[in-house]
PDB file of all heavy atoms in Angstrom:
ATOM      1  N   ARG A   1     -20.565 -11.401 -17.079  1.00  0.00           N
ATOM      2  CA  ARG A   1     -21.522 -12.130 -16.282  1.00  0.00           C
ATOM      3  C   ARG A   1     -21.113 -12.211 -14.808  1.00  0.00           C
ATOM      4  O   ARG A   1     -21.891 -11.951 -13.904  1.00  0.00           O
ATOM      5  CB  ARG A   1     -21.666 -13.538 -16.867  1.00  0.00           C
ATOM      6  CG  ARG A   1     -22.400 -14.535 -15.997  1.00  0.00           C
ATOM      7  CD  ARG A   1     -22.444 -15.902 -16.649  1.00  0.00           C
ATOM      8  NE  ARG A   1     -21.229 -16.670 -16.476  1.00  0.00           N
ATOM      9  CZ  ARG A   1     -21.097 -17.695 -15.656  1.00  0.00           C
ATOM     10  NH1 ARG A   1     -22.131 -18.073 -14.858  1.00  0.00           N
ATOM     11  NH2 ARG A   1     -19.965 -18.377 -15.589  1.00  0.00           N
ATOM     12  N   CYS A   2     -19.840 -12.558 -14.602  1.00  0.00           N
ATOM     13  CA  CYS A   2     -19.349 -12.709 -13.205  1.00  0.00           C
ATOM     14  C   CYS A   2     -19.325 -11.361 -12.510  1.00  0.00           C
ATOM     15  O   CYS A   2     -19.581 -11.291 -11.284  1.00  0.00           O
ATOM     16  CB  CYS A   2     -17.947 -13.348 -13.256  1.00  0.00           C
ATOM     17  SG  CYS A   2     -17.950 -15.061 -13.777  1.00  0.00           S
ATOM     18  N   GLU A   3     -18.997 -10.275 -13.203  1.00  0.00           N
ATOM     19  CA  GLU A   3     -18.971  -8.949 -12.591  1.00  0.00           C
ATOM     20  C   GLU A   3     -20.388  -8.545 -12.214  1.00  0.00           C
ATOM     21  O   GLU A   3     -20.617  -8.035 -11.095  1.00  0.00           O
ATOM     22  CB  GLU A   3     -18.372  -7.921 -13.523  1.00  0.00           C
ATOM     23  CG  GLU A   3     -18.338  -6.529 -12.900  1.00  0.00           C
ATOM     24  CD  GLU A   3     -17.789  -5.470 -13.845  1.00  0.00           C
ATOM     25  OE1 GLU A   3     -16.755  -5.719 -14.477  1.00  0.00           O
ATOM     26  OE2 GLU A   3     -18.419  -4.409 -13.929  1.00  0.00           O
ATOM     27  N   LEU A   4     -21.364  -8.750 -13.079  1.00  0.00           N
ATOM     28  CA  LEU A   4     -22.738  -8.386 -12.770  1.00  0.00           C
ATOM     29  C   LEU A   4     -23.252  -9.205 -11.587  1.00  0.00           C
ATOM     30  O   LEU A   4     -23.950  -8.664 -10.714  1.00  0.00           O
ATOM     31  CB  LEU A   4     -23.599  -8.635 -13.945  1.00  0.00           C
ATOM     32  CG  LEU A   4     -23.422  -7.723 -15.169  1.00  0.00           C
ATOM     33  CD1 LEU A   4     -24.152  -8.250 -16.394  1.00  0.00           C
ATOM     34  CD2 LEU A   4     -23.835  -6.296 -14.829  1.00  0.00           C
ATOM     35  N   CYS A   5     -22.911 -10.485 -11.547  1.00  0.00           N
ATOM     36  CA  CYS A   5     -23.292 -11.325 -10.410  1.00  0.00           C
ATOM     37  C   CYS A   5     -22.677 -10.835  -9.106  1.00  0.00           C
ATOM     38  O   CYS A   5     -23.363 -10.748  -8.070  1.00  0.00           O
ATOM     39  CB  CYS A   5     -22.854 -12.785 -10.709  1.00  0.00           C
ATOM     40  SG  CYS A   5     -23.355 -13.950  -9.424  1.00  0.00           S
ATOM     41  N   TYR A   6     -21.394 -10.486  -9.171  1.00  0.00           N
ATOM     42  CA  TYR A   6     -20.728 -10.016  -7.947  1.00  0.00           C
ATOM     43  C   TYR A   6     -21.355  -8.707  -7.451  1.00  0.00           C
ATOM     44  O   TYR A   6     -21.526  -8.521  -6.232  1.00  0.00           O
ATOM     45  CB  TYR A   6     -19.229  -9.762  -8.240  1.00  0.00           C
ATOM     46  CG  TYR A   6     -18.427  -9.459  -6.985  1.00  0.00           C
ATOM     47  CD1 TYR A   6     -17.905 -10.452  -6.200  1.00  0.00           C
ATOM     48  CD2 TYR A   6     -18.235  -8.147  -6.610  1.00  0.00           C
ATOM     49  CE1 TYR A   6     -17.166 -10.182  -5.054  1.00  0.00           C
ATOM     50  CE2 TYR A   6     -17.525  -7.841  -5.465  1.00  0.00           C
ATOM     51  CZ  TYR A   6     -16.996  -8.850  -4.708  1.00  0.00           C
ATOM     52  OH  TYR A   6     -16.280  -8.556  -3.550  1.00  0.00           O
ATOM     53  N   LYS A   7     -21.705  -7.829  -8.369  1.00  0.00           N
ATOM     54  CA  LYS A   7     -22.311  -6.560  -7.974  1.00  0.00           C
ATOM     55  C   LYS A   7     -23.663  -6.784  -7.301  1.00  0.00           C
ATOM     56  O   LYS A   7     -24.001  -6.080  -6.337  1.00  0.00           O
ATOM     57  CB  LYS A   7     -22.532  -5.670  -9.209  1.00  0.00           C
ATOM     58  CG  LYS A   7     -21.290  -4.882  -9.688  1.00  0.00           C
ATOM     59  CD  LYS A   7     -21.682  -3.992 -10.835  1.00  0.00           C
ATOM     60  CE  LYS A   7     -20.532  -3.033 -11.161  1.00  0.00           C
ATOM     61  NZ  LYS A   7     -20.873  -2.127 -12.286  1.00  0.00           N
ATOM     62  N   GLU A   8     -24.453  -7.704  -7.780  1.00  0.00           N
ATOM     63  CA  GLU A   8     -25.798  -7.907  -7.243  1.00  0.00           C
ATOM     64  C   GLU A   8     -25.817  -8.868  -6.059  1.00  0.00           C
ATOM     65  O   GLU A   8     -26.527  -8.617  -5.060  1.00  0.00           O
ATOM     66  CB  GLU A   8     -26.735  -8.462  -8.318  1.00  0.00           C
ATOM     67  CG  GLU A   8     -28.138  -8.686  -7.829  1.00  0.00           C
ATOM     68  CD  GLU A   8     -29.120  -9.142  -8.914  1.00  0.00           C
ATOM     69  OE1 GLU A   8     -28.786  -8.968 -10.121  1.00  0.00           O
ATOM     70  OE2 GLU A   8     -30.173  -9.690  -8.579  1.00  0.00           O
ATOM     71  N   LEU A   9     -25.045  -9.908  -6.092  1.00  0.00           N
ATOM     72  CA  LEU A   9     -25.127 -10.971  -5.086  1.00  0.00           C
ATOM     73  C   LEU A   9     -23.916 -10.994  -4.129  1.00  0.00           C
ATOM     74  O   LEU A   9     -23.950 -11.729  -3.153  1.00  0.00           O
ATOM     75  CB  LEU A   9     -25.292 -12.330  -5.751  1.00  0.00           C
ATOM     76  CG  LEU A   9     -26.476 -12.477  -6.704  1.00  0.00           C
ATOM     77  CD1 LEU A   9     -26.524 -13.868  -7.304  1.00  0.00           C
ATOM     78  CD2 LEU A   9     -27.790 -12.150  -6.001  1.00  0.00           C
ATOM     79  N   GLY A  10     -22.856 -10.264  -4.473  1.00  0.00           N
ATOM     80  CA  GLY A  10     -21.658 -10.260  -3.611  1.00  0.00           C
ATOM     81  C   GLY A  10     -20.792 -11.458  -3.735  1.00  0.00           C
ATOM     82  O   GLY A  10     -19.912 -11.728  -2.901  1.00  0.00           O
ATOM     83  N   GLN A  11     -20.996 -12.254  -4.749  1.00  0.00           N
ATOM     84  CA  GLN A  11     -20.195 -13.441  -5.029  1.00  0.00           C
ATOM     85  C   GLN A  11     -20.287 -13.791  -6.495  1.00  0.00           C
ATOM     86  O   GLN A  11     -21.095 -13.289  -7.218  1.00  0.00           O
ATOM     87  CB  GLN A  11     -20.720 -14.637  -4.190  1.00  0.00           C
ATOM     88  CG  GLN A  11     -22.152 -15.006  -4.544  1.00  0.00           C
ATOM     89  CD  GLN A  11     -22.699 -16.071  -3.630  1.00  0.00           C
ATOM     90  OE1 GLN A  11     -22.212 -16.260  -2.501  1.00  0.00           O
ATOM     91  NE2 GLN A  11     -23.710 -16.785  -4.089  1.00  0.00           N
ATOM     92  N   PHE A  12     -19.368 -14.679  -6.928  1.00  0.00           N
ATOM     93  CA  PHE A  12     -19.374 -15.105  -8.314  1.00  0.00           C
ATOM     94  C   PHE A  12     -20.366 -16.255  -8.493  1.00  0.00           C
ATOM     95  O   PHE A  12     -20.680 -16.948  -7.532  1.00  0.00           O
ATOM     96  CB  PHE A  12     -17.970 -15.558  -8.703  1.00  0.00           C
ATOM     97  CG  PHE A  12     -16.953 -14.448  -8.750  1.00  0.00           C
ATOM     98  CD1 PHE A  12     -15.722 -14.600  -8.112  1.00  0.00           C
ATOM     99  CD2 PHE A  12     -17.220 -13.264  -9.381  1.00  0.00           C
ATOM    100  CE1 PHE A  12     -14.758 -13.574  -8.118  1.00  0.00           C
ATOM    101  CE2 PHE A  12     -16.297 -12.243  -9.438  1.00  0.00           C
ATOM    102  CZ  PHE A  12     -15.072 -12.397  -8.784  1.00  0.00           C
ATOM    103  N   PRO A  13     -20.841 -16.452  -9.713  1.00  0.00           N
ATOM    104  CA  PRO A  13     -21.743 -17.612  -9.964  1.00  0.00           C
ATOM    105  C   PRO A  13     -21.026 -18.930  -9.707  1.00  0.00           C
ATOM    106  O   PRO A  13     -19.818 -19.062  -9.809  1.00  0.00           O
ATOM    107  CB  PRO A  13     -22.148 -17.425 -11.430  1.00  0.00           C
ATOM    108  CG  PRO A  13     -21.069 -16.578 -12.027  1.00  0.00           C
ATOM    109  CD  PRO A  13     -20.575 -15.659 -10.966  1.00  0.00           C
ATOM    110  N   SER A  14     -21.865 -19.933  -9.393  1.00  0.00           N
ATOM    111  CA  SER A  14     -21.265 -21.242  -9.048  1.00  0.00           C
ATOM    112  C   SER A  14     -20.579 -21.913 -10.209  1.00  0.00           C
ATOM    113  O   SER A  14     -19.697 -22.774 -10.021  1.00  0.00           O
ATOM    114  CB  SER A  14     -22.397 -22.167  -8.511  1.00  0.00           C
ATOM    115  OG  SER A  14     -23.433 -22.316  -9.468  1.00  0.00           O
ATOM    116  N   ASP A  15     -20.950 -21.555 -11.422  1.00  0.00           N
ATOM    117  CA  ASP A  15     -20.338 -22.193 -12.620  1.00  0.00           C
ATOM    118  C   ASP A  15     -19.363 -21.250 -13.298  1.00  0.00           C
ATOM    119  O   ASP A  15     -19.272 -21.196 -14.522  1.00  0.00           O
ATOM    120  CB  ASP A  15     -21.427 -22.623 -13.610  1.00  0.00           C
ATOM    121  CG  ASP A  15     -22.237 -21.390 -14.158  1.00  0.00           C
ATOM    122  OD1 ASP A  15     -22.183 -20.305 -13.528  1.00  0.00           O
ATOM    123  OD2 ASP A  15     -22.927 -21.562 -15.191  1.00  0.00           O
ATOM    124  N   ILE A  16     -18.561 -20.545 -12.473  1.00  0.00           N
ATOM    125  CA  ILE A  16     -17.678 -19.539 -12.990  1.00  0.00           C
ATOM    126  C   ILE A  16     -16.747 -20.049 -14.113  1.00  0.00           C
ATOM    127  O   ILE A  16     -16.453 -19.336 -15.080  1.00  0.00           O
ATOM    128  CB  ILE A  16     -16.851 -18.892 -11.844  1.00  0.00           C
ATOM    129  CG1 ILE A  16     -15.986 -17.742 -12.332  1.00  0.00           C
ATOM    130  CG2 ILE A  16     -16.036 -19.931 -11.129  1.00  0.00           C
ATOM    131  CD1 ILE A  16     -15.349 -16.975 -11.211  1.00  0.00           C
ATOM    132  N   GLY A  17     -16.210 -21.231 -13.978  1.00  0.00           N
ATOM    133  CA  GLY A  17     -15.444 -21.845 -15.063  1.00  0.00           C
ATOM    134  C   GLY A  17     -14.019 -21.405 -15.171  1.00  0.00           C
ATOM    135  O   GLY A  17     -13.280 -21.846 -16.057  1.00  0.00           O
ATOM    136  N   VAL A  18     -13.584 -20.539 -14.259  1.00  0.00           N
ATOM    137  CA  VAL A  18     -12.174 -20.099 -14.234  1.00  0.00           C
ATOM    138  C   VAL A  18     -11.712 -20.095 -12.766  1.00  0.00           C
ATOM    139  O   VAL A  18     -12.559 -20.269 -11.847  1.00  0.00           O
ATOM    140  CB  VAL A  18     -11.969 -18.701 -14.821  1.00  0.00           C
ATOM    141  CG1 VAL A  18     -12.385 -18.687 -16.300  1.00  0.00           C
ATOM    142  CG2 VAL A  18     -12.771 -17.640 -14.054  1.00  0.00           C
ATOM    143  N   LYS A  19     -10.431 -19.855 -12.532  1.00  0.00           N
ATOM    144  CA  LYS A  19      -9.960 -19.856 -11.154  1.00  0.00           C
ATOM    145  C   LYS A  19     -10.447 -18.609 -10.427  1.00  0.00           C
ATOM    146  O   LYS A  19     -10.423 -17.520 -10.980  1.00  0.00           O
ATOM    147  CB  LYS A  19      -8.425 -19.908 -11.125  1.00  0.00           C
ATOM    148  CG  LYS A  19      -7.858 -21.229 -11.642  1.00  0.00           C
ATOM    149  CD  LYS A  19      -6.352 -21.253 -11.576  1.00  0.00           C
ATOM    150  CE  LYS A  19      -5.786 -22.625 -12.014  1.00  0.00           C
ATOM    151  NZ  LYS A  19      -4.315 -22.651 -11.965  1.00  0.00           N
ATOM    152  N   ILE A  20     -10.875 -18.785  -9.194  1.00  0.00           N
ATOM    153  CA  ILE A  20     -11.427 -17.691  -8.377  1.00  0.00           C
ATOM    154  C   ILE A  20     -10.398 -16.585  -8.221  1.00  0.00           C
ATOM    155  O   ILE A  20     -10.758 -15.395  -8.274  1.00  0.00           O
ATOM    156  CB  ILE A  20     -11.888 -18.210  -7.011  1.00  0.00           C
ATOM    157  CG1 ILE A  20     -13.047 -19.188  -7.186  1.00  0.00           C
ATOM    158  CG2 ILE A  20     -12.330 -17.035  -6.134  1.00  0.00           C
ATOM    159  CD1 ILE A  20     -14.323 -18.615  -7.723  1.00  0.00           C
ATOM    160  N   GLN A  21      -9.149 -16.920  -7.998  1.00  0.00           N
ATOM    161  CA  GLN A  21      -8.137 -15.893  -7.755  1.00  0.00           C
ATOM    162  C   GLN A  21      -7.996 -14.981  -8.952  1.00  0.00           C
ATOM    163  O   GLN A  21      -7.964 -13.741  -8.824  1.00  0.00           O
ATOM    164  CB  GLN A  21      -6.781 -16.486  -7.407  1.00  0.00           C
ATOM    165  CG  GLN A  21      -5.696 -15.459  -7.167  1.00  0.00           C
ATOM    166  CD  GLN A  21      -4.342 -16.084  -6.825  1.00  0.00           C
ATOM    167  OE1 GLN A  21      -4.256 -17.249  -6.469  1.00  0.00           O
ATOM    168  NE2 GLN A  21      -3.307 -15.270  -6.819  1.00  0.00           N
ATOM    169  N   GLY A  22      -7.886 -15.559 -10.153  1.00  0.00           N
ATOM    170  CA  GLY A  22      -7.748 -14.755 -11.346  1.00  0.00           C
ATOM    171  C   GLY A  22      -8.958 -13.894 -11.576  1.00  0.00           C
ATOM    172  O   GLY A  22      -8.844 -12.711 -11.962  1.00  0.00           O
ATOM    173  N   ALA A  23     -10.148 -14.448 -11.314  1.00  0.00           N
ATOM    174  CA  ALA A  23     -11.353 -13.691 -11.512  1.00  0.00           C
ATOM    175  C   ALA A  23     -11.444 -12.522 -10.497  1.00  0.00           C
ATOM    176  O   ALA A  23     -11.843 -11.410 -10.854  1.00  0.00           O
ATOM    177  CB  ALA A  23     -12.605 -14.599 -11.326  1.00  0.00           C
ATOM    178  N   THR A  24     -11.056 -12.781  -9.281  1.00  0.00           N
ATOM    179  CA  THR A  24     -11.082 -11.759  -8.245  1.00  0.00           C
ATOM    180  C   THR A  24     -10.121 -10.624  -8.585  1.00  0.00           C
ATOM    181  O   THR A  24     -10.470  -9.423  -8.445  1.00  0.00           O
ATOM    182  CB  THR A  24     -10.729 -12.356  -6.878  1.00  0.00           C
ATOM    183  OG1 THR A  24     -11.670 -13.379  -6.546  1.00  0.00           O
ATOM    184  CG2 THR A  24     -10.752 -11.288  -5.784  1.00  0.00           C
ATOM    185  N   GLU A  25      -8.941 -10.960  -9.023  1.00  0.00           N
ATOM    186  CA  GLU A  25      -7.948  -9.948  -9.350  1.00  0.00           C
ATOM    187  C   GLU A  25      -8.412  -9.140 -10.605  1.00  0.00           C
ATOM    188  O   GLU A  25      -8.216  -7.939 -10.640  1.00  0.00           O
ATOM    189  CB  GLU A  25      -6.587 -10.579  -9.619  1.00  0.00           C
ATOM    190  CG  GLU A  25      -5.938 -11.150  -8.365  1.00  0.00           C
ATOM    191  CD  GLU A  25      -4.652 -11.844  -8.631  1.00  0.00           C
ATOM    192  OE1 GLU A  25      -4.413 -12.274  -9.796  1.00  0.00           O
ATOM    193  OE2 GLU A  25      -3.832 -12.016  -7.671  1.00  0.00           O
ATOM    194  N   ALA A  26      -8.986  -9.809 -11.540  1.00  0.00           N
ATOM    195  CA  ALA A  26      -9.441  -9.095 -12.754  1.00  0.00           C
ATOM    196  C   ALA A  26     -10.617  -8.207 -12.492  1.00  0.00           C
ATOM    197  O   ALA A  26     -10.664  -7.079 -13.031  1.00  0.00           O
ATOM    198  CB  ALA A  26      -9.798 -10.115 -13.844  1.00  0.00           C
ATOM    199  N   ILE A  27     -11.543  -8.627 -11.652  1.00  0.00           N
ATOM    200  CA  ILE A  27     -12.822  -7.916 -11.518  1.00  0.00           C
ATOM    201  C   ILE A  27     -12.862  -7.034 -10.288  1.00  0.00           C
ATOM    202  O   ILE A  27     -13.339  -5.907 -10.318  1.00  0.00           O
ATOM    203  CB  ILE A  27     -13.976  -8.938 -11.449  1.00  0.00           C
ATOM    204  CG1 ILE A  27     -14.076  -9.671 -12.778  1.00  0.00           C
ATOM    205  CG2 ILE A  27     -15.306  -8.245 -11.122  1.00  0.00           C
ATOM    206  CD1 ILE A  27     -15.063 -10.850 -12.769  1.00  0.00           C
ATOM    207  N   VAL A  28     -12.327  -7.527  -9.166  1.00  0.00           N
ATOM    208  CA  VAL A  28     -12.614  -6.844  -7.866  1.00  0.00           C
ATOM    209  C   VAL A  28     -11.382  -6.162  -7.255  1.00  0.00           C
ATOM    210  O   VAL A  28     -11.440  -4.943  -6.961  1.00  0.00           O
ATOM    211  CB  VAL A  28     -13.169  -7.895  -6.857  1.00  0.00           C
ATOM    212  CG1 VAL A  28     -13.507  -7.163  -5.534  1.00  0.00           C
ATOM    213  CG2 VAL A  28     -14.380  -8.610  -7.387  1.00  0.00           C
ATOM    214  N   SER A  29     -10.311  -6.884  -7.069  1.00  0.00           N
ATOM    215  CA  SER A  29      -9.222  -6.364  -6.267  1.00  0.00           C
ATOM    216  C   SER A  29      -8.106  -5.713  -7.083  1.00  0.00           C
ATOM    217  O   SER A  29      -7.366  -4.890  -6.614  1.00  0.00           O
ATOM    218  CB  SER A  29      -8.658  -7.455  -5.382  1.00  0.00           C
ATOM    219  OG  SER A  29      -8.060  -8.485  -6.189  1.00  0.00           O
ATOM    220  N   GLY A  30      -7.957  -6.189  -8.362  1.00  0.00           N
ATOM    221  CA  GLY A  30      -6.792  -5.755  -9.134  1.00  0.00           C
ATOM    222  C   GLY A  30      -5.589  -6.567  -8.759  1.00  0.00           C
ATOM    223  O   GLY A  30      -5.604  -7.322  -7.819  1.00  0.00           O
ATOM    224  N   LYS A  31      -4.556  -6.413  -9.559  1.00  0.00           N
ATOM    225  CA  LYS A  31      -3.291  -7.107  -9.282  1.00  0.00           C
ATOM    226  C   LYS A  31      -2.183  -6.056  -9.268  1.00  0.00           C
ATOM    227  O   LYS A  31      -2.145  -5.141 -10.089  1.00  0.00           O
ATOM    228  CB  LYS A  31      -3.051  -8.119 -10.405  1.00  0.00           C
ATOM    229  CG  LYS A  31      -1.923  -9.092 -10.111  1.00  0.00           C
ATOM    230  CD  LYS A  31      -1.881 -10.204 -11.135  1.00  0.00           C
ATOM    231  CE  LYS A  31      -0.785 -11.222 -10.814  1.00  0.00           C
ATOM    232  NZ  LYS A  31      -0.753 -12.329 -11.784  1.00  0.00           N
ATOM    233  N   LYS A  32      -1.305  -6.165  -8.313  1.00  0.00           N
ATOM    234  CA  LYS A  32      -0.282  -5.148  -8.129  1.00  0.00           C
ATOM    235  C   LYS A  32       0.546  -4.898  -9.385  1.00  0.00           C
ATOM    236  O   LYS A  32       0.927  -3.778  -9.674  1.00  0.00           O
ATOM    237  CB  LYS A  32       0.658  -5.550  -6.965  1.00  0.00           C
ATOM    238  CG  LYS A  32      -0.020  -5.483  -5.571  1.00  0.00           C
ATOM    239  CD  LYS A  32       0.979  -5.860  -4.510  1.00  0.00           C
ATOM    240  CE  LYS A  32       0.319  -5.770  -3.100  1.00  0.00           C
ATOM    241  NZ  LYS A  32       1.276  -6.139  -2.052  1.00  0.00           N
ATOM    242  N   THR A  33       0.805  -5.961 -10.156  1.00  0.00           N
ATOM    243  CA  THR A  33       1.624  -5.772 -11.337  1.00  0.00           C
ATOM    244  C   THR A  33       0.843  -5.417 -12.581  1.00  0.00           C
ATOM    245  O   THR A  33       1.397  -5.219 -13.623  1.00  0.00           O
ATOM    246  CB  THR A  33       2.395  -7.085 -11.599  1.00  0.00           C
ATOM    247  OG1 THR A  33       1.444  -8.187 -11.742  1.00  0.00           O
ATOM    248  CG2 THR A  33       3.349  -7.403 -10.480  1.00  0.00           C
ATOM    249  N   ALA A  34      -0.504  -5.365 -12.445  1.00  0.00           N
ATOM    250  CA  ALA A  34      -1.346  -5.068 -13.609  1.00  0.00           C
ATOM    251  C   ALA A  34      -1.365  -3.574 -13.914  1.00  0.00           C
ATOM    252  O   ALA A  34      -1.254  -2.733 -13.011  1.00  0.00           O
ATOM    253  CB  ALA A  34      -2.776  -5.542 -13.384  1.00  0.00           C
ATOM    254  N   SER A  35      -1.484  -3.255 -15.205  1.00  0.00           N
ATOM    255  CA  SER A  35      -1.493  -1.858 -15.625  1.00  0.00           C
ATOM    256  C   SER A  35      -2.916  -1.278 -15.627  1.00  0.00           C
ATOM    257  O   SER A  35      -3.086  -0.059 -15.771  1.00  0.00           O
ATOM    258  CB  SER A  35      -0.910  -1.697 -17.031  1.00  0.00           C
ATOM    259  OG  SER A  35      -1.593  -2.525 -17.968  1.00  0.00           O
ATOM    260  N   SER A  36      -3.910  -2.124 -15.468  1.00  0.00           N
ATOM    261  CA  SER A  36      -5.322  -1.690 -15.515  1.00  0.00           C
ATOM    262  C   SER A  36      -5.994  -1.846 -14.163  1.00  0.00           C
ATOM    263  O   SER A  36      -5.632  -2.760 -13.394  1.00  0.00           O
ATOM    264  CB  SER A  36      -6.089  -2.472 -16.561  1.00  0.00           C
ATOM    265  OG  SER A  36      -5.535  -2.348 -17.828  1.00  0.00           O
ATOM    266  N   GLN A  37      -6.967  -1.011 -13.916  1.00  0.00           N
ATOM    267  CA  GLN A  37      -7.771  -1.139 -12.703  1.00  0.00           C
ATOM    268  C   GLN A  37      -8.662  -2.387 -12.870  1.00  0.00           C
ATOM    269  O   GLN A  37      -8.948  -2.831 -13.965  1.00  0.00           O
ATOM    270  CB  GLN A  37      -8.647   0.096 -12.525  1.00  0.00           C
ATOM    271  CG  GLN A  37      -7.905   1.343 -12.128  1.00  0.00           C
ATOM    272  CD  GLN A  37      -8.861   2.521 -11.949  1.00  0.00           C
ATOM    273  OE1 GLN A  37      -9.788   2.723 -12.698  1.00  0.00           O
ATOM    274  NE2 GLN A  37      -8.664   3.248 -10.862  1.00  0.00           N
ATOM    275  N   PRO A  38      -9.172  -2.905 -11.731  1.00  0.00           N
ATOM    276  CA  PRO A  38     -10.128  -4.023 -11.841  1.00  0.00           C
ATOM    277  C   PRO A  38     -11.352  -3.555 -12.654  1.00  0.00           C
ATOM    278  O   PRO A  38     -11.733  -2.394 -12.584  1.00  0.00           O
ATOM    279  CB  PRO A  38     -10.475  -4.341 -10.386  1.00  0.00           C
ATOM    280  CG  PRO A  38     -10.071  -3.137  -9.619  1.00  0.00           C
ATOM    281  CD  PRO A  38      -8.912  -2.546 -10.325  1.00  0.00           C
ATOM    282  N   THR A  39     -11.994  -4.468 -13.341  1.00  0.00           N
ATOM    283  CA  THR A  39     -13.041  -4.070 -14.267  1.00  0.00           C
ATOM    284  C   THR A  39     -14.259  -3.450 -13.564  1.00  0.00           C
ATOM    285  O   THR A  39     -15.001  -2.661 -14.136  1.00  0.00           O
ATOM    286  CB  THR A  39     -13.535  -5.282 -15.114  1.00  0.00           C
ATOM    287  OG1 THR A  39     -14.073  -6.285 -14.249  1.00  0.00           O
ATOM    288  CG2 THR A  39     -12.390  -5.853 -15.890  1.00  0.00           C
ATOM    289  N   ILE A  40     -14.466  -3.793 -12.326  1.00  0.00           N
ATOM    290  CA  ILE A  40     -15.597  -3.233 -11.575  1.00  0.00           C
ATOM    291  C   ILE A  40     -15.468  -1.760 -11.412  1.00  0.00           C
ATOM    292  O   ILE A  40     -16.484  -1.045 -11.182  1.00  0.00           O
ATOM    293  CB  ILE A  40     -15.739  -3.949 -10.199  1.00  0.00           C
ATOM    294  CG1 ILE A  40     -17.183  -3.886  -9.714  1.00  0.00           C
ATOM    295  CG2 ILE A  40     -14.717  -3.424  -9.194  1.00  0.00           C
ATOM    296  CD1 ILE A  40     -17.474  -4.772  -8.525  1.00  0.00           C
ATOM    297  N   MET A  41     -14.263  -1.227 -11.597  1.00  0.00           N
ATOM    298  CA  MET A  41     -13.995   0.199 -11.470  1.00  0.00           C
ATOM    299  C   MET A  41     -14.302   0.947 -12.804  1.00  0.00           C
ATOM    300  O   MET A  41     -14.355   2.145 -12.810  1.00  0.00           O
ATOM    301  CB  MET A  41     -12.546   0.469 -11.057  1.00  0.00           C
ATOM    302  CG  MET A  41     -12.136  -0.137  -9.758  1.00  0.00           C
ATOM    303  SD  MET A  41     -13.040   0.613  -8.368  1.00  0.00           S
ATOM    304  CE  MET A  41     -12.298   2.245  -8.380  1.00  0.00           C
ATOM    305  N   HIS A  42     -14.439   0.192 -13.872  1.00  0.00           N
ATOM    306  CA  HIS A  42     -14.696   0.789 -15.191  1.00  0.00           C
ATOM    307  C   HIS A  42     -16.193   0.972 -15.339  1.00  0.00           C
ATOM    308  O   HIS A  42     -16.965   0.008 -15.217  1.00  0.00           O
ATOM    309  CB  HIS A  42     -14.162  -0.093 -16.297  1.00  0.00           C
ATOM    310  CG  HIS A  42     -12.708  -0.222 -16.329  1.00  0.00           C
ATOM    311  ND1 HIS A  42     -11.888   0.318 -17.302  1.00  0.00           N
ATOM    312  CD2 HIS A  42     -11.813  -0.817 -15.470  1.00  0.00           C
ATOM    313  CE1 HIS A  42     -10.608   0.060 -17.053  1.00  0.00           C
ATOM    314  NE2 HIS A  42     -10.574  -0.647 -15.950  1.00  0.00           N
TER     315      HIS A  42
END
């Protein structure tokens, strides 16, 4: 849901329910120590 919102609106929904940093790293930017690309790349 948050990825689809980011793709269309350029931001996460207001009721994201998780920390913005974790969501950003998981979906958009990736994390240096992570073995996977951010989900928006999949």
